[in-house]
Every structure is written in structure tokens, then in C-alpha cells.
Amino acid sequence: INSLSRYLNINNGFDGFLSFVKNLNKALNIPINLSEIGVLEGDIDRIVEGALKDPSKNGNPVKLNAKNLKKLLISAI
């Protein structure tokens, strides 16, 4: 991150880069959590069910199961 910050002429290393990314996301209207796109806690079980059926789930660095995926989604709301 520090070398990328220098390349982009961003001061303050990681903190400066994080601020840059947050500002870019805001400028592009990129939501910062799932609730900003209308996902409710009541939707999570359905999302988990679909995600566990998706064959691309095996490409994740952490093996997904219903428990850890539900925990992840709740924290993202």
C-alpha cells in the first residue's frame, strides 16, 4: 500500500490511501454496506442458501459454510 500511495502521490501511507479510496467510493456513489442497497437482516438466510449453491464459492480463500457466511453478511449490514 505504501508504494502504491507513493506512486499515486498520496501522502500518509496507508491512512492516506484509505482516505483516498473512501473519497473515491463516495464520489462514485459506491455503497459502504449492504443496507445501503436495501439488504435487510431478514434477507440473509435466502442469500446464504443461494451463495452456498454457487459453484464459484470454492474460489474463496476461506471455506464457506452457513455459519461463517451468515456472520459475514450480518457484519456487512
PDB file of N, CA and C in Angstrom:
ATOM      1  N   ILE A   1       0.835  -1.193   0.000  1.00  0.00           N
ATOM      2  CA  ILE A   1       0.000   0.000   0.000  1.00  0.00           C
ATOM      3  C   ILE A   1       0.878   1.253   0.000  1.00  0.00           C
ATOM      4  N   ASN A   2       1.955   1.218   0.761  1.00  0.00           N
ATOM      5  CA  ASN A   2       2.817   2.399   0.821  1.00  0.00           C
ATOM      6  C   ASN A   2       3.416   2.739  -0.539  1.00  0.00           C
ATOM      7  N   SER A   3       3.870   1.732  -1.282  1.00  0.00           N
ATOM      8  CA  SER A   3       4.444   2.021  -2.602  1.00  0.00           C
ATOM      9  C   SER A   3       3.367   2.506  -3.572  1.00  0.00           C
ATOM     10  N   LEU A   4       2.164   1.961  -3.461  1.00  0.00           N
ATOM     11  CA  LEU A   4       1.057   2.427  -4.302  1.00  0.00           C
ATOM     12  C   LEU A   4       0.711   3.872  -3.957  1.00  0.00           C
ATOM     13  N   SER A   5       0.711   4.193  -2.662  1.00  0.00           N
ATOM     14  CA  SER A   5       0.441   5.566  -2.230  1.00  0.00           C
ATOM     15  C   SER A   5       1.470   6.523  -2.819  1.00  0.00           C
ATOM     16  N   ARG A   6       2.738   6.130  -2.779  1.00  0.00           N
ATOM     17  CA  ARG A   6       3.785   6.981  -3.362  1.00  0.00           C
ATOM     18  C   ARG A   6       3.568   7.133  -4.866  1.00  0.00           C
ATOM     19  N   TYR A   7       3.247   6.045  -5.543  1.00  0.00           N
ATOM     20  CA  TYR A   7       3.024   6.086  -6.987  1.00  0.00           C
ATOM     21  C   TYR A   7       1.878   7.038  -7.344  1.00  0.00           C
ATOM     22  N   LEU A   8       0.821   7.016  -6.537  1.00  0.00           N
ATOM     23  CA  LEU A   8      -0.344   7.872  -6.783  1.00  0.00           C
ATOM     24  C   LEU A   8      -0.197   9.257  -6.165  1.00  0.00           C
ATOM     25  N   ASN A   9       0.974   9.501  -5.563  1.00  0.00           N
ATOM     26  CA  ASN A   9       1.253  10.779  -4.913  1.00  0.00           C
ATOM     27  C   ASN A   9       0.260  11.068  -3.781  1.00  0.00           C
ATOM     28  N   ILE A  10      -0.028  10.044  -2.994  1.00  0.00           N
ATOM     29  CA  ILE A  10      -0.926  10.156  -1.844  1.00  0.00           C
ATOM     30  C   ILE A  10      -0.062  10.178  -0.589  1.00  0.00           C
ATOM     31  N   ASN A  11      -0.240  11.180   0.245  1.00  0.00           N
ATOM     32  CA  ASN A  11       0.532  11.304   1.479  1.00  0.00           C
ATOM     33  C   ASN A  11      -0.027  10.418   2.584  1.00  0.00           C
ATOM     34  N   ASN A  12       0.765  10.171   3.599  1.00  0.00           N
ATOM     35  CA  ASN A  12       0.376   9.465   4.829  1.00  0.00           C
ATOM     36  C   ASN A  12       0.185   7.967   4.654  1.00  0.00           C
ATOM     37  N   GLY A  13       0.836   7.357   3.683  1.00  0.00           N
ATOM     38  CA  GLY A  13       0.852   5.900   3.567  1.00  0.00           C
ATOM     39  C   GLY A  13      -0.524   5.268   3.551  1.00  0.00           C
ATOM     40  N   PHE A  14      -0.709   4.260   4.420  1.00  0.00           N
ATOM     41  CA  PHE A  14      -1.967   3.512   4.435  1.00  0.00           C
ATOM     42  C   PHE A  14      -3.153   4.410   4.749  1.00  0.00           C
ATOM     43  N   ASP A  15      -3.019   5.270   5.762  1.00  0.00           N
ATOM     44  CA  ASP A  15      -4.143   6.134   6.141  1.00  0.00           C
ATOM     45  C   ASP A  15      -4.549   7.065   5.002  1.00  0.00           C
ATOM     46  N   GLY A  16      -3.564   7.604   4.305  1.00  0.00           N
ATOM     47  CA  GLY A  16      -3.863   8.458   3.162  1.00  0.00           C
ATOM     48  C   GLY A  16      -4.534   7.685   2.038  1.00  0.00           C
ATOM     49  N   PHE A  17      -4.050   6.454   1.809  1.00  0.00           N
ATOM     50  CA  PHE A  17      -4.642   5.610   0.769  1.00  0.00           C
ATOM     51  C   PHE A  17      -6.079   5.244   1.128  1.00  0.00           C
ATOM     52  N   LEU A  18      -6.317   4.896   2.394  1.00  0.00           N
ATOM     53  CA  LEU A  18      -7.670   4.568   2.841  1.00  0.00           C
ATOM     54  C   LEU A  18      -8.602   5.757   2.645  1.00  0.00           C
ATOM     55  N   SER A  19      -8.143   6.931   2.998  1.00  0.00           N
ATOM     56  CA  SER A  19      -8.945   8.136   2.808  1.00  0.00           C
ATOM     57  C   SER A  19      -9.239   8.366   1.325  1.00  0.00           C
ATOM     58  N   PHE A  20      -8.237   8.144   0.476  1.00  0.00           N
ATOM     59  CA  PHE A  20      -8.414   8.277  -0.971  1.00  0.00           C
ATOM     60  C   PHE A  20      -9.500   7.330  -1.475  1.00  0.00           C
ATOM     61  N   VAL A  21      -9.440   6.067  -1.055  1.00  0.00           N
ATOM     62  CA  VAL A  21     -10.420   5.071  -1.502  1.00  0.00           C
ATOM     63  C   VAL A  21     -11.819   5.424  -1.001  1.00  0.00           C
ATOM     64  N   LYS A  22     -11.928   5.841   0.259  1.00  0.00           N
ATOM     65  CA  LYS A  22     -13.246   6.224   0.793  1.00  0.00           C
ATOM     66  C   LYS A  22     -13.823   7.402   0.022  1.00  0.00           C
ATOM     67  N   ASN A  23     -12.989   8.391  -0.270  1.00  0.00           N
ATOM     68  CA  ASN A  23     -13.461   9.553  -1.031  1.00  0.00           C
ATOM     69  C   ASN A  23     -13.847   9.169  -2.454  1.00  0.00           C
ATOM     70  N   LEU A  24     -13.079   8.285  -3.067  1.00  0.00           N
ATOM     71  CA  LEU A  24     -13.401   7.816  -4.415  1.00  0.00           C
ATOM     72  C   LEU A  24     -14.732   7.066  -4.415  1.00  0.00           C
ATOM     73  N   ASN A  25     -14.917   6.185  -3.447  1.00  0.00           N
ATOM     74  CA  ASN A  25     -16.183   5.450  -3.343  1.00  0.00           C
ATOM     75  C   ASN A  25     -17.358   6.406  -3.185  1.00  0.00           C
ATOM     76  N   LYS A  26     -17.177   7.430  -2.348  1.00  0.00           N
ATOM     77  CA  LYS A  26     -18.247   8.405  -2.133  1.00  0.00           C
ATOM     78  C   LYS A  26     -18.542   9.169  -3.427  1.00  0.00           C
ATOM     79  N   ALA A  27     -17.491   9.581  -4.130  1.00  0.00           N
ATOM     80  CA  ALA A  27     -17.665  10.326  -5.381  1.00  0.00           C
ATOM     81  C   ALA A  27     -18.375   9.489  -6.440  1.00  0.00           C
ATOM     82  N   LEU A  28     -18.150   8.178  -6.414  1.00  0.00           N
ATOM     83  CA  LEU A  28     -18.772   7.280  -7.388  1.00  0.00           C
ATOM     84  C   LEU A  28     -20.093   6.690  -6.892  1.00  0.00           C
ATOM     85  N   ASN A  29     -20.537   7.133  -5.712  1.00  0.00           N
ATOM     86  CA  ASN A  29     -21.776   6.639  -5.099  1.00  0.00           C
ATOM     87  C   ASN A  29     -21.759   5.131  -4.892  1.00  0.00           C
ATOM     88  N   ILE A  30     -20.616   4.604  -4.480  1.00  0.00           N
ATOM     89  CA  ILE A  30     -20.496   3.180  -4.181  1.00  0.00           C
ATOM     90  C   ILE A  30     -20.923   2.971  -2.733  1.00  0.00           C
ATOM     91  N   PRO A  31     -21.905   2.122  -2.477  1.00  0.00           N
ATOM     92  CA  PRO A  31     -22.374   1.914  -1.101  1.00  0.00           C
ATOM     93  C   PRO A  31     -21.283   1.313  -0.221  1.00  0.00           C
ATOM     94  N   ILE A  32     -21.358   1.639   1.076  1.00  0.00           N
ATOM     95  CA  ILE A  32     -20.342   1.128   2.001  1.00  0.00           C
ATOM     96  C   ILE A  32     -20.821  -0.078   2.794  1.00  0.00           C
ATOM     97  N   ASN A  33     -22.092  -0.409   2.683  1.00  0.00           N
ATOM     98  CA  ASN A  33     -22.594  -1.604   3.362  1.00  0.00           C
ATOM     99  C   ASN A  33     -23.817  -2.136   2.614  1.00  0.00           C
ATOM    100  N   LEU A  34     -24.249  -3.309   3.009  1.00  0.00           N
ATOM    101  CA  LEU A  34     -25.368  -3.952   2.311  1.00  0.00           C
ATOM    102  C   LEU A  34     -26.695  -3.242   2.536  1.00  0.00           C
ATOM    103  N   SER A  35     -26.866  -2.622   3.699  1.00  0.00           N
ATOM    104  CA  SER A  35     -28.138  -1.946   3.960  1.00  0.00           C
ATOM    105  C   SER A  35     -28.353  -0.780   2.999  1.00  0.00           C
ATOM    106  N   GLU A  36     -27.273  -0.182   2.516  1.00  0.00           N
ATOM    107  CA  GLU A  36     -27.409   0.921   1.565  1.00  0.00           C
ATOM    108  C   GLU A  36     -27.945   0.468   0.209  1.00  0.00           C
ATOM    109  N   ILE A  37     -27.913  -0.831  -0.047  1.00  0.00           N
ATOM    110  CA  ILE A  37     -28.504  -1.332  -1.300  1.00  0.00           C
ATOM    111  C   ILE A  37     -29.799  -2.098  -1.028  1.00  0.00           C
ATOM    112  N   GLY A  38     -30.322  -1.934   0.199  1.00  0.00           N
ATOM    113  CA  GLY A  38     -31.625  -2.491   0.521  1.00  0.00           C
ATOM    114  C   GLY A  38     -31.638  -3.884   1.112  1.00  0.00           C
ATOM    115  N   VAL A  39     -30.474  -4.431   1.447  1.00  0.00           N
ATOM    116  CA  VAL A  39     -30.434  -5.761   2.055  1.00  0.00           C
ATOM    117  C   VAL A  39     -30.798  -5.635   3.531  1.00  0.00           C
ATOM    118  N   LEU A  40     -31.746  -6.446   3.961  1.00  0.00           N
ATOM    119  CA  LEU A  40     -32.184  -6.460   5.354  1.00  0.00           C
ATOM    120  C   LEU A  40     -31.725  -7.749   6.016  1.00  0.00           C
ATOM    121  N   GLU A  41     -31.678  -7.744   7.334  1.00  0.00           N
ATOM    122  CA  GLU A  41     -31.254  -8.953   8.043  1.00  0.00           C
ATOM    123  C   GLU A  41     -32.159 -10.135   7.710  1.00  0.00           C
ATOM    124  N   GLY A  42     -33.421  -9.869   7.436  1.00  0.00           N
ATOM    125  CA  GLY A  42     -34.348 -10.925   7.060  1.00  0.00           C
ATOM    126  C   GLY A  42     -34.040 -11.568   5.712  1.00  0.00           C
ATOM    127  N   ASP A  43     -33.211 -10.936   4.918  1.00  0.00           N
ATOM    128  CA  ASP A  43     -32.826 -11.471   3.606  1.00  0.00           C
ATOM    129  C   ASP A  43     -31.652 -12.443   3.689  1.00  0.00           C
ATOM    130  N   ILE A  44     -30.974 -12.464   4.816  1.00  0.00           N
ATOM    131  CA  ILE A  44     -29.697 -13.174   4.909  1.00  0.00           C
ATOM    132  C   ILE A  44     -29.821 -14.673   4.684  1.00  0.00           C
ATOM    133  N   ASP A  45     -30.796 -15.327   5.268  1.00  0.00           N
ATOM    134  CA  ASP A  45     -30.912 -16.780   5.094  1.00  0.00           C
ATOM    135  C   ASP A  45     -31.062 -17.156   3.621  1.00  0.00           C
ATOM    136  N   ARG A  46     -31.833 -16.372   2.883  1.00  0.00           N
ATOM    137  CA  ARG A  46     -32.025 -16.630   1.451  1.00  0.00           C
ATOM    138  C   ARG A  46     -30.725 -16.394   0.686  1.00  0.00           C
ATOM    139  N   ILE A  47     -29.994 -15.353   1.049  1.00  0.00           N
ATOM    140  CA  ILE A  47     -28.719 -15.066   0.386  1.00  0.00           C
ATOM    141  C   ILE A  47     -27.713 -16.178   0.665  1.00  0.00           C
ATOM    142  N   VAL A  48     -27.661 -16.615   1.919  1.00  0.00           N
ATOM    143  CA  VAL A  48     -26.740 -17.695   2.297  1.00  0.00           C
ATOM    144  C   VAL A  48     -27.064 -18.959   1.507  1.00  0.00           C
ATOM    145  N   GLU A  49     -28.333 -19.296   1.431  1.00  0.00           N
ATOM    146  CA  GLU A  49     -28.749 -20.504   0.708  1.00  0.00           C
ATOM    147  C   GLU A  49     -28.291 -20.449  -0.750  1.00  0.00           C
ATOM    148  N   GLY A  50     -28.500 -19.315  -1.388  1.00  0.00           N
ATOM    149  CA  GLY A  50     -28.081 -19.173  -2.776  1.00  0.00           C
ATOM    150  C   GLY A  50     -26.570 -19.189  -2.936  1.00  0.00           C
ATOM    151  N   ALA A  51     -25.876 -18.530  -2.022  1.00  0.00           N
ATOM    152  CA  ALA A  51     -24.411 -18.471  -2.107  1.00  0.00           C
ATOM    153  C   ALA A  51     -23.784 -19.845  -1.946  1.00  0.00           C
ATOM    154  N   LEU A  52     -24.353 -20.663  -1.080  1.00  0.00           N
ATOM    155  CA  LEU A  52     -23.791 -21.993  -0.860  1.00  0.00           C
ATOM    156  C   LEU A  52     -24.032 -22.926  -2.046  1.00  0.00           C
ATOM    157  N   LYS A  53     -25.001 -22.589  -2.894  1.00  0.00           N
ATOM    158  CA  LYS A  53     -25.254 -23.373  -4.110  1.00  0.00           C
ATOM    159  C   LYS A  53     -24.378 -22.919  -5.277  1.00  0.00           C
ATOM    160  N   ASP A  54     -23.781 -21.753  -5.154  1.00  0.00           N
ATOM    161  CA  ASP A  54     -22.985 -21.177  -6.240  1.00  0.00           C
ATOM    162  C   ASP A  54     -21.650 -21.903  -6.374  1.00  0.00           C
ATOM    163  N   PRO A  55     -21.366 -22.484  -7.539  1.00  0.00           N
ATOM    164  CA  PRO A  55     -20.116 -23.229  -7.701  1.00  0.00           C
ATOM    165  C   PRO A  55     -18.863 -22.364  -7.573  1.00  0.00           C
ATOM    166  N   SER A  56     -18.989 -21.059  -7.739  1.00  0.00           N
ATOM    167  CA  SER A  56     -17.808 -20.199  -7.636  1.00  0.00           C
ATOM    168  C   SER A  56     -17.363 -19.974  -6.191  1.00  0.00           C
ATOM    169  N   LYS A  57     -18.168 -20.436  -5.237  1.00  0.00           N
ATOM    170  CA  LYS A  57     -17.814 -20.257  -3.824  1.00  0.00           C
ATOM    171  C   LYS A  57     -16.509 -20.948  -3.471  1.00  0.00           C
ATOM    172  N   ASN A  58     -16.150 -21.970  -4.230  1.00  0.00           N
ATOM    173  CA  ASN A  58     -14.930 -22.714  -3.932  1.00  0.00           C
ATOM    174  C   ASN A  58     -13.663 -21.925  -4.219  1.00  0.00           C
ATOM    175  N   GLY A  59     -13.788 -20.793  -4.883  1.00  0.00           N
ATOM    176  CA  GLY A  59     -12.637 -19.943  -5.154  1.00  0.00           C
ATOM    177  C   GLY A  59     -12.296 -19.001  -4.015  1.00  0.00           C
ATOM    178  N   ASN A  60     -13.099 -19.013  -2.963  1.00  0.00           N
ATOM    179  CA  ASN A  60     -12.845 -18.137  -1.821  1.00  0.00           C
ATOM    180  C   ASN A  60     -11.676 -18.647  -0.992  1.00  0.00           C
ATOM    181  N   PRO A  61     -10.908 -17.739  -0.404  1.00  0.00           N
ATOM    182  CA  PRO A  61      -9.776 -18.174   0.421  1.00  0.00           C
ATOM    183  C   PRO A  61     -10.203 -18.847   1.724  1.00  0.00           C
ATOM    184  N   VAL A  62     -11.426 -18.579   2.170  1.00  0.00           N
ATOM    185  CA  VAL A  62     -11.964 -19.203   3.380  1.00  0.00           C
ATOM    186  C   VAL A  62     -13.110 -20.105   2.955  1.00  0.00           C
ATOM    187  N   LYS A  63     -13.095 -21.344   3.420  1.00  0.00           N
ATOM    188  CA  LYS A  63     -14.179 -22.271   3.079  1.00  0.00           C
ATOM    189  C   LYS A  63     -15.486 -21.742   3.664  1.00  0.00           C
ATOM    190  N   LEU A  64     -16.474 -21.574   2.809  1.00  0.00           N
ATOM    191  CA  LEU A  64     -17.755 -21.027   3.244  1.00  0.00           C
ATOM    192  C   LEU A  64     -18.663 -22.120   3.775  1.00  0.00           C
ATOM    193  N   ASN A  65     -19.341 -21.772   4.854  1.00  0.00           N
ATOM    194  CA  ASN A  65     -20.422 -22.597   5.367  1.00  0.00           C
ATOM    195  C   ASN A  65     -21.507 -21.636   5.826  1.00  0.00           C
ATOM    196  N   ALA A  66     -22.667 -22.155   6.153  1.00  0.00           N
ATOM    197  CA  ALA A  66     -23.796 -21.297   6.506  1.00  0.00           C
ATOM    198  C   ALA A  66     -23.472 -20.401   7.696  1.00  0.00           C
ATOM    199  N   LYS A  67     -22.777 -20.937   8.674  1.00  0.00           N
ATOM    200  CA  LYS A  67     -22.494 -20.164   9.888  1.00  0.00           C
ATOM    201  C   LYS A  67     -21.564 -18.985   9.615  1.00  0.00           C
ATOM    202  N   ASN A  68     -20.424 -19.237   8.956  1.00  0.00           N
ATOM    203  CA  ASN A  68     -19.495 -18.125   8.763  1.00  0.00           C
ATOM    204  C   ASN A  68     -19.992 -17.131   7.712  1.00  0.00           C
ATOM    205  N   LEU A  69     -20.737 -17.596   6.728  1.00  0.00           N
ATOM    206  CA  LEU A  69     -21.284 -16.693   5.728  1.00  0.00           C
ATOM    207  C   LEU A  69     -22.357 -15.795   6.335  1.00  0.00           C
ATOM    208  N   LYS A  70     -23.206 -16.362   7.178  1.00  0.00           N
ATOM    209  CA  LYS A  70     -24.239 -15.561   7.838  1.00  0.00           C
ATOM    210  C   LYS A  70     -23.596 -14.499   8.730  1.00  0.00           C
ATOM    211  N   LYS A  71     -22.569 -14.876   9.455  1.00  0.00           N
ATOM    212  CA  LYS A  71     -21.858 -13.924  10.321  1.00  0.00           C
ATOM    213  C   LYS A  71     -21.257 -12.789   9.485  1.00  0.00           C
ATOM    214  N   LEU A  72     -20.655 -13.135   8.360  1.00  0.00           N
ATOM    215  CA  LEU A  72     -20.067 -12.140   7.469  1.00  0.00           C
ATOM    216  C   LEU A  72     -21.126 -11.172   6.950  1.00  0.00           C
ATOM    217  N   LEU A  73     -22.248 -11.701   6.490  1.00  0.00           N
ATOM    218  CA  LEU A  73     -23.303 -10.854   5.931  1.00  0.00           C
ATOM    219  C   LEU A  73     -23.925  -9.950   6.984  1.00  0.00           C
ATOM    220  N   ILE A  74     -24.127 -10.462   8.182  1.00  0.00           N
ATOM    221  CA  ILE A  74     -24.679  -9.627   9.254  1.00  0.00           C
ATOM    222  C   ILE A  74     -23.735  -8.467   9.549  1.00  0.00           C
ATOM    223  N   SER A  75     -22.437  -8.745   9.566  1.00  0.00           N
ATOM    224  CA  SER A  75     -21.481  -7.667   9.838  1.00  0.00           C
ATOM    225  C   SER A  75     -21.427  -6.654   8.696  1.00  0.00           C
ATOM    226  N   ALA A  76     -21.847  -7.051   7.501  1.00  0.00           N
ATOM    227  CA  ALA A  76     -21.816  -6.151   6.347  1.00  0.00           C
ATOM    228  C   ALA A  76     -23.082  -5.314   6.213  1.00  0.00           C
ATOM    229  N   ILE A  77     -24.068  -5.585   7.050  1.00  0.00           N
ATOM    230  CA  ILE A  77     -25.298  -4.786   7.012  1.00  0.00           C
ATOM    231  C   ILE A  77     -25.057  -3.537   7.826  1.00  0.00           C
TER     232      ILE A  77
END
